[in-house]
Amino acid sequence: MTKRKKYSKEFKLDAIALVVDQNYSQAEAARNLGVNPNMLGRWIVNVR
């Protein structure tokens, strides 16, 4: 069993900023950061 990776609040906010402020697509930002696009989407929904 693999251990779940934890991301800092700062990392999440930076990832969200790529999509919201810098007009990256959710998939593109997730791919560049090495995270699952669905997880990035949940971060965005939880912040708004």
N, C-alpha and C. Protein backbone atom coordinates (compact mmCIF):
# COMPACT_ATOMS: atom_id res chain seq x y z
N MET A 1 0.85 -1.18 0.00
CA MET A 1 0.00 0.00 0.00
C MET A 1 0.89 1.25 0.00
N THR A 2 0.55 2.19 -0.88
CA THR A 2 1.34 3.41 -0.95
C THR A 2 0.79 4.46 0.01
N LYS A 3 1.68 5.32 0.45
CA LYS A 3 1.27 6.38 1.37
C LYS A 3 0.71 7.56 0.58
N ARG A 4 -0.35 8.14 1.08
CA ARG A 4 -0.98 9.28 0.40
C ARG A 4 -0.07 10.49 0.50
N LYS A 5 0.12 11.16 -0.62
CA LYS A 5 0.96 12.35 -0.65
C LYS A 5 0.16 13.55 -0.16
N LYS A 6 0.80 14.36 0.66
CA LYS A 6 0.15 15.57 1.18
C LYS A 6 0.75 16.78 0.50
N TYR A 7 -0.10 17.72 0.18
CA TYR A 7 0.33 18.95 -0.47
C TYR A 7 0.09 20.12 0.48
N SER A 8 1.04 21.05 0.51
CA SER A 8 0.90 22.20 1.39
C SER A 8 -0.20 23.12 0.86
N LYS A 9 -0.71 23.93 1.74
CA LYS A 9 -1.74 24.90 1.35
C LYS A 9 -1.19 25.86 0.30
N GLU A 10 0.07 26.25 0.46
CA GLU A 10 0.70 27.15 -0.50
C GLU A 10 0.77 26.52 -1.89
N PHE A 11 1.13 25.23 -1.96
CA PHE A 11 1.19 24.53 -3.25
C PHE A 11 -0.18 24.51 -3.90
N LYS A 12 -1.21 24.21 -3.10
CA LYS A 12 -2.58 24.15 -3.64
C LYS A 12 -3.01 25.51 -4.17
N LEU A 13 -2.73 26.56 -3.41
CA LEU A 13 -3.12 27.90 -3.84
C LEU A 13 -2.39 28.32 -5.11
N ASP A 14 -1.12 27.95 -5.22
CA ASP A 14 -0.36 28.24 -6.44
C ASP A 14 -0.94 27.48 -7.63
N ALA A 15 -1.33 26.23 -7.40
CA ALA A 15 -1.91 25.42 -8.47
C ALA A 15 -3.25 26.01 -8.92
N ILE A 16 -4.05 26.44 -7.98
CA ILE A 16 -5.34 27.06 -8.29
C ILE A 16 -5.13 28.36 -9.07
N ALA A 17 -4.12 29.12 -8.69
CA ALA A 17 -3.83 30.39 -9.36
C ALA A 17 -3.47 30.18 -10.83
N LEU A 18 -2.80 29.07 -11.14
CA LEU A 18 -2.48 28.79 -12.54
C LEU A 18 -3.75 28.70 -13.38
N VAL A 19 -4.76 28.06 -12.84
CA VAL A 19 -6.01 27.86 -13.58
C VAL A 19 -6.86 29.14 -13.58
N VAL A 20 -7.03 29.73 -12.42
CA VAL A 20 -7.95 30.86 -12.27
C VAL A 20 -7.36 32.16 -12.80
N ASP A 21 -6.12 32.45 -12.43
CA ASP A 21 -5.53 33.74 -12.77
C ASP A 21 -4.74 33.74 -14.07
N GLN A 22 -4.09 32.61 -14.37
CA GLN A 22 -3.19 32.59 -15.53
C GLN A 22 -3.78 31.83 -16.73
N ASN A 23 -5.03 31.45 -16.61
CA ASN A 23 -5.78 30.84 -17.73
C ASN A 23 -5.19 29.55 -18.28
N TYR A 24 -4.52 28.78 -17.43
CA TYR A 24 -4.13 27.43 -17.82
C TYR A 24 -5.37 26.56 -17.78
N SER A 25 -5.42 25.53 -18.63
CA SER A 25 -6.51 24.58 -18.49
C SER A 25 -6.22 23.74 -17.25
N GLN A 26 -7.26 23.19 -16.69
CA GLN A 26 -7.11 22.36 -15.49
C GLN A 26 -6.18 21.17 -15.79
N ALA A 27 -6.37 20.55 -16.95
CA ALA A 27 -5.54 19.40 -17.33
C ALA A 27 -4.08 19.79 -17.53
N GLU A 28 -3.85 20.94 -18.16
CA GLU A 28 -2.49 21.39 -18.41
C GLU A 28 -1.77 21.72 -17.11
N ALA A 29 -2.44 22.42 -16.22
CA ALA A 29 -1.83 22.77 -14.93
C ALA A 29 -1.52 21.50 -14.13
N ALA A 30 -2.45 20.57 -14.10
CA ALA A 30 -2.25 19.32 -13.36
C ALA A 30 -1.08 18.54 -13.93
N ARG A 31 -1.00 18.47 -15.25
CA ARG A 31 0.10 17.73 -15.90
C ARG A 31 1.44 18.37 -15.56
N ASN A 32 1.52 19.70 -15.60
CA ASN A 32 2.77 20.41 -15.30
C ASN A 32 3.19 20.23 -13.85
N LEU A 33 2.23 20.11 -12.95
CA LEU A 33 2.52 19.99 -11.53
C LEU A 33 2.64 18.54 -11.06
N GLY A 34 2.23 17.61 -11.89
CA GLY A 34 2.31 16.21 -11.52
C GLY A 34 1.23 15.76 -10.55
N VAL A 35 0.05 16.39 -10.67
CA VAL A 35 -1.09 15.99 -9.82
C VAL A 35 -2.24 15.53 -10.71
N ASN A 36 -3.18 14.84 -10.11
CA ASN A 36 -4.34 14.36 -10.84
C ASN A 36 -5.27 15.54 -11.15
N PRO A 37 -5.75 15.65 -12.38
CA PRO A 37 -6.64 16.77 -12.74
C PRO A 37 -7.92 16.82 -11.89
N ASN A 38 -8.45 15.65 -11.51
CA ASN A 38 -9.65 15.64 -10.67
C ASN A 38 -9.37 16.22 -9.30
N MET A 39 -8.18 15.94 -8.77
CA MET A 39 -7.82 16.47 -7.46
C MET A 39 -7.68 17.99 -7.53
N LEU A 40 -7.06 18.47 -8.59
CA LEU A 40 -6.93 19.92 -8.78
C LEU A 40 -8.31 20.56 -8.87
N GLY A 41 -9.22 19.91 -9.55
CA GLY A 41 -10.59 20.41 -9.64
C GLY A 41 -11.27 20.51 -8.27
N ARG A 42 -11.02 19.53 -7.42
CA ARG A 42 -11.60 19.57 -6.07
C ARG A 42 -11.02 20.73 -5.27
N TRP A 43 -9.72 20.98 -5.44
CA TRP A 43 -9.10 22.11 -4.75
C TRP A 43 -9.76 23.41 -5.17
N ILE A 44 -10.01 23.56 -6.47
CA ILE A 44 -10.61 24.79 -6.99
C ILE A 44 -12.01 24.96 -6.44
N VAL A 45 -12.81 23.91 -6.43
CA VAL A 45 -14.18 23.99 -5.94
C VAL A 45 -14.21 24.33 -4.45
N ASN A 46 -13.28 23.77 -3.68
CA ASN A 46 -13.26 23.99 -2.24
C ASN A 46 -12.83 25.40 -1.86
N VAL A 47 -12.09 26.06 -2.73
CA VAL A 47 -11.62 27.42 -2.43
C VAL A 47 -12.69 28.45 -2.74
N ARG A 48 -13.47 28.19 -3.78
CA ARG A 48 -14.47 29.18 -4.20
C ARG A 48 -15.65 29.21 -3.29
